[in-house]
Amino acid sequence: MPQKFVWLRRCGEIVVIACALASALPAAAELSAVDREAIEAAFARADTNGDGKLSRDEAQRFPEIAARFDELDRDRDGFLSLIEFSVGATPPVRQ
């Protein structure tokens, strides 16, 4: 599956975030393109320093994400990647 790239302009620099949301999320989640774009945009707004990851402080913008920060930080690096963020920003699938 081809990756989608989101281009952000911050302080005169161009930052590229490779988005592999479609393959990273559970197949049952099946987010629409609009939902994926909304998650990517929310992540970009919260990433105030433009480093492509959310610190615990940056995650405070989303109380639901901040409350689950440790659970979502799957690689335990102290930051949320776009994929980790998207898992928390996606409502659980109901069966």
N, C-alpha and C. Protein backbone atom coordinates (compact mmCIF):
# COMPACT_ATOMS: atom_id res chain seq x y z
N MET A 1 0.86 -1.18 0.00
CA MET A 1 0.00 0.00 0.00
C MET A 1 0.90 1.24 0.00
N PRO A 2 0.65 2.19 -0.89
CA PRO A 2 1.49 3.39 -0.92
C PRO A 2 1.25 4.24 0.33
N GLN A 3 2.33 4.89 0.77
CA GLN A 3 2.21 5.76 1.93
C GLN A 3 1.73 7.13 1.49
N LYS A 4 1.03 7.79 2.38
CA LYS A 4 0.59 9.14 2.16
C LYS A 4 1.52 10.06 2.92
N PHE A 5 1.87 11.17 2.33
CA PHE A 5 2.76 12.11 2.99
C PHE A 5 2.01 13.39 3.31
N VAL A 6 2.23 13.91 4.50
CA VAL A 6 1.65 15.17 4.92
C VAL A 6 2.79 16.17 5.00
N TRP A 7 2.65 17.26 4.29
CA TRP A 7 3.68 18.29 4.27
C TRP A 7 3.26 19.41 5.20
N LEU A 8 4.12 19.77 6.12
CA LEU A 8 3.85 20.85 7.07
C LEU A 8 4.93 21.90 6.92
N ARG A 9 4.55 23.15 6.95
CA ARG A 9 5.54 24.22 6.91
C ARG A 9 5.62 24.83 8.30
N ARG A 10 6.78 24.75 8.90
CA ARG A 10 6.99 25.29 10.24
C ARG A 10 8.26 26.12 10.22
N CYS A 11 8.14 27.37 10.59
CA CYS A 11 9.30 28.25 10.73
C CYS A 11 10.20 28.21 9.49
N GLY A 12 9.61 28.21 8.32
CA GLY A 12 10.38 28.23 7.08
C GLY A 12 10.93 26.89 6.65
N GLU A 13 10.75 25.85 7.46
CA GLU A 13 11.23 24.53 7.10
C GLU A 13 10.05 23.68 6.65
N ILE A 14 10.31 22.73 5.83
CA ILE A 14 9.26 21.79 5.43
C ILE A 14 9.53 20.48 6.14
N VAL A 15 8.52 20.00 6.83
CA VAL A 15 8.62 18.76 7.57
C VAL A 15 7.70 17.76 6.89
N VAL A 16 8.20 16.59 6.63
CA VAL A 16 7.41 15.54 6.00
C VAL A 16 7.12 14.46 7.02
N ILE A 17 5.86 14.12 7.15
CA ILE A 17 5.46 13.03 8.03
C ILE A 17 4.90 11.93 7.15
N ALA A 18 5.54 10.79 7.14
CA ALA A 18 5.04 9.65 6.37
C ALA A 18 3.92 9.01 7.17
N CYS A 19 2.80 8.87 6.56
CA CYS A 19 1.63 8.33 7.26
C CYS A 19 1.32 6.94 6.74
N ALA A 20 1.36 5.98 7.62
CA ALA A 20 1.02 4.61 7.26
C ALA A 20 -0.19 4.19 8.07
N LEU A 21 -1.11 5.11 8.27
CA LEU A 21 -2.25 4.83 9.14
C LEU A 21 -3.09 3.67 8.66
N ALA A 22 -3.33 3.59 7.37
CA ALA A 22 -4.21 2.54 6.87
C ALA A 22 -3.69 1.16 7.21
N SER A 23 -2.38 0.96 7.14
CA SER A 23 -1.83 -0.35 7.44
C SER A 23 -1.55 -0.54 8.93
N ALA A 24 -1.46 0.54 9.69
CA ALA A 24 -1.10 0.44 11.10
C ALA A 24 -2.31 0.20 12.00
N LEU A 25 -3.46 0.66 11.58
CA LEU A 25 -4.65 0.50 12.41
C LEU A 25 -5.29 -0.85 12.16
N PRO A 26 -6.02 -1.35 13.12
CA PRO A 26 -6.70 -2.62 12.91
C PRO A 26 -7.59 -2.54 11.67
N ALA A 27 -7.63 -3.61 10.92
CA ALA A 27 -8.41 -3.63 9.68
C ALA A 27 -9.87 -3.29 9.93
N ALA A 28 -10.39 -3.68 11.08
CA ALA A 28 -11.80 -3.43 11.37
C ALA A 28 -12.10 -1.94 11.55
N ALA A 29 -11.09 -1.15 11.86
CA ALA A 29 -11.32 0.27 12.09
C ALA A 29 -11.74 0.98 10.81
N GLU A 30 -11.13 0.61 9.68
CA GLU A 30 -11.47 1.14 8.37
C GLU A 30 -11.83 2.63 8.41
N LEU A 31 -10.87 3.44 8.66
CA LEU A 31 -11.09 4.88 8.68
C LEU A 31 -11.24 5.40 7.26
N SER A 32 -12.10 6.35 7.11
CA SER A 32 -12.23 7.00 5.81
C SER A 32 -11.04 7.94 5.62
N ALA A 33 -10.85 8.37 4.40
CA ALA A 33 -9.77 9.32 4.11
C ALA A 33 -9.97 10.60 4.91
N VAL A 34 -11.20 11.00 5.09
CA VAL A 34 -11.51 12.22 5.85
C VAL A 34 -11.11 12.03 7.31
N ASP A 35 -11.41 10.86 7.87
CA ASP A 35 -11.04 10.59 9.26
C ASP A 35 -9.52 10.58 9.43
N ARG A 36 -8.81 9.94 8.50
CA ARG A 36 -7.35 9.90 8.58
C ARG A 36 -6.77 11.31 8.48
N GLU A 37 -7.31 12.12 7.57
CA GLU A 37 -6.82 13.49 7.42
C GLU A 37 -7.09 14.30 8.68
N ALA A 38 -8.24 14.07 9.33
CA ALA A 38 -8.57 14.79 10.56
C ALA A 38 -7.59 14.41 11.67
N ILE A 39 -7.25 13.13 11.77
CA ILE A 39 -6.29 12.68 12.78
C ILE A 39 -4.92 13.27 12.50
N GLU A 40 -4.50 13.26 11.24
CA GLU A 40 -3.20 13.83 10.88
C GLU A 40 -3.15 15.33 11.19
N ALA A 41 -4.25 16.03 10.91
CA ALA A 41 -4.30 17.47 11.17
C ALA A 41 -4.25 17.75 12.67
N ALA A 42 -4.97 16.95 13.46
CA ALA A 42 -4.97 17.13 14.92
C ALA A 42 -3.55 16.89 15.47
N PHE A 43 -2.90 15.86 14.96
CA PHE A 43 -1.53 15.56 15.39
C PHE A 43 -0.61 16.74 15.06
N ALA A 44 -0.73 17.25 13.85
CA ALA A 44 0.13 18.37 13.42
C ALA A 44 -0.10 19.61 14.27
N ARG A 45 -1.35 19.87 14.64
CA ARG A 45 -1.65 21.03 15.50
C ARG A 45 -1.03 20.85 16.89
N ALA A 46 -1.07 19.65 17.40
CA ALA A 46 -0.55 19.39 18.75
C ALA A 46 0.98 19.37 18.76
N ASP A 47 1.59 19.03 17.64
CA ASP A 47 3.06 18.94 17.55
C ASP A 47 3.63 20.35 17.39
N THR A 48 3.63 21.10 18.48
CA THR A 48 3.97 22.52 18.42
C THR A 48 5.41 22.80 18.03
N ASN A 49 6.33 21.87 18.30
CA ASN A 49 7.72 22.12 17.91
C ASN A 49 8.08 21.49 16.57
N GLY A 50 7.11 20.80 15.94
CA GLY A 50 7.31 20.26 14.61
C GLY A 50 8.32 19.15 14.47
N ASP A 51 8.54 18.38 15.56
CA ASP A 51 9.54 17.32 15.48
C ASP A 51 8.96 15.97 15.06
N GLY A 52 7.67 15.93 14.75
CA GLY A 52 7.07 14.70 14.26
C GLY A 52 6.66 13.72 15.34
N LYS A 53 6.67 14.17 16.60
CA LYS A 53 6.24 13.33 17.71
C LYS A 53 5.65 14.23 18.79
N LEU A 54 4.79 13.64 19.62
CA LEU A 54 4.16 14.41 20.69
C LEU A 54 4.78 14.07 22.03
N SER A 55 5.20 15.10 22.72
CA SER A 55 5.68 14.92 24.09
C SER A 55 4.46 14.83 25.00
N ARG A 56 4.70 14.49 26.24
CA ARG A 56 3.61 14.44 27.21
C ARG A 56 2.94 15.81 27.33
N ASP A 57 3.73 16.88 27.31
CA ASP A 57 3.17 18.24 27.39
C ASP A 57 2.32 18.57 26.17
N GLU A 58 2.80 18.22 24.98
CA GLU A 58 2.03 18.50 23.77
C GLU A 58 0.73 17.70 23.74
N ALA A 59 0.74 16.50 24.28
CA ALA A 59 -0.45 15.65 24.30
C ALA A 59 -1.54 16.21 25.21
N GLN A 60 -1.19 17.12 26.12
CA GLN A 60 -2.18 17.70 27.02
C GLN A 60 -3.29 18.44 26.28
N ARG A 61 -3.05 18.76 25.03
CA ARG A 61 -4.08 19.44 24.23
C ARG A 61 -5.31 18.54 24.03
N PHE A 62 -5.10 17.23 24.14
CA PHE A 62 -6.18 16.25 24.00
C PHE A 62 -6.28 15.44 25.29
N PRO A 63 -7.19 15.81 26.19
CA PRO A 63 -7.28 15.14 27.50
C PRO A 63 -7.43 13.63 27.40
N GLU A 64 -8.17 13.13 26.39
CA GLU A 64 -8.37 11.69 26.25
C GLU A 64 -7.05 10.99 25.92
N ILE A 65 -6.23 11.66 25.12
CA ILE A 65 -4.92 11.11 24.75
C ILE A 65 -3.97 11.21 25.94
N ALA A 66 -3.96 12.37 26.59
CA ALA A 66 -3.07 12.58 27.74
C ALA A 66 -3.34 11.56 28.85
N ALA A 67 -4.61 11.24 29.08
CA ALA A 67 -4.96 10.29 30.12
C ALA A 67 -4.45 8.88 29.83
N ARG A 68 -4.24 8.57 28.54
CA ARG A 68 -3.80 7.24 28.13
C ARG A 68 -2.38 7.26 27.56
N PHE A 69 -1.64 8.32 27.84
CA PHE A 69 -0.33 8.52 27.22
C PHE A 69 0.57 7.29 27.38
N ASP A 70 0.72 6.79 28.59
CA ASP A 70 1.61 5.65 28.84
C ASP A 70 1.15 4.39 28.10
N GLU A 71 -0.15 4.19 28.05
CA GLU A 71 -0.71 3.04 27.33
C GLU A 71 -0.45 3.15 25.82
N LEU A 72 -0.59 4.35 25.28
CA LEU A 72 -0.43 4.57 23.84
C LEU A 72 1.02 4.57 23.40
N ASP A 73 1.92 4.93 24.31
CA ASP A 73 3.35 4.99 23.99
C ASP A 73 3.91 3.57 23.96
N ARG A 74 3.61 2.85 22.88
CA ARG A 74 3.93 1.42 22.78
C ARG A 74 5.43 1.12 22.80
N ASP A 75 6.23 2.02 22.24
CA ASP A 75 7.67 1.77 22.23
C ASP A 75 8.39 2.36 23.45
N ARG A 76 7.63 2.94 24.34
CA ARG A 76 8.14 3.47 25.61
C ARG A 76 9.29 4.46 25.44
N ASP A 77 9.18 5.32 24.41
CA ASP A 77 10.24 6.31 24.20
C ASP A 77 9.91 7.67 24.80
N GLY A 78 8.73 7.78 25.45
CA GLY A 78 8.34 9.04 26.08
C GLY A 78 7.66 10.01 25.13
N PHE A 79 7.37 9.56 23.92
CA PHE A 79 6.70 10.38 22.90
C PHE A 79 5.66 9.53 22.20
N LEU A 80 4.68 10.21 21.58
CA LEU A 80 3.71 9.52 20.75
C LEU A 80 4.01 9.81 19.29
N SER A 81 4.16 8.76 18.50
CA SER A 81 4.28 8.92 17.06
C SER A 81 2.88 9.17 16.49
N LEU A 82 2.81 9.49 15.22
CA LEU A 82 1.51 9.68 14.59
C LEU A 82 0.69 8.40 14.69
N ILE A 83 1.32 7.27 14.50
CA ILE A 83 0.58 6.00 14.56
C ILE A 83 0.08 5.73 15.97
N GLU A 84 0.92 5.95 16.98
CA GLU A 84 0.49 5.75 18.36
C GLU A 84 -0.65 6.70 18.70
N PHE A 85 -0.53 7.95 18.27
CA PHE A 85 -1.59 8.94 18.49
C PHE A 85 -2.88 8.50 17.82
N SER A 86 -2.77 8.01 16.59
CA SER A 86 -3.97 7.65 15.83
C SER A 86 -4.74 6.51 16.48
N VAL A 87 -4.03 5.61 17.14
CA VAL A 87 -4.71 4.52 17.85
C VAL A 87 -5.56 5.09 18.98
N GLY A 88 -5.03 6.07 19.68
CA GLY A 88 -5.79 6.70 20.76
C GLY A 88 -6.88 7.61 20.26
N ALA A 89 -6.71 8.18 19.08
CA ALA A 89 -7.69 9.11 18.53
C ALA A 89 -8.80 8.39 17.79
N THR A 90 -8.68 7.08 17.63
CA THR A 90 -9.67 6.30 16.91
C THR A 90 -10.59 5.63 17.90
N PRO A 91 -11.91 5.81 17.72
CA PRO A 91 -12.82 5.14 18.67
C PRO A 91 -12.69 3.62 18.57
N PRO A 92 -12.84 2.92 19.68
CA PRO A 92 -12.74 1.47 19.63
C PRO A 92 -13.83 0.89 18.72
N VAL A 93 -13.50 -0.21 18.08
CA VAL A 93 -14.45 -0.88 17.20
C VAL A 93 -15.39 -1.70 18.06
N ARG A 94 -16.66 -1.54 17.82
CA ARG A 94 -17.68 -2.30 18.57
C ARG A 94 -18.11 -3.51 17.75
N GLN A 95 -18.24 -4.65 18.42
CA GLN A 95 -18.64 -5.85 17.69
C GLN A 95 -20.05 -6.25 18.04
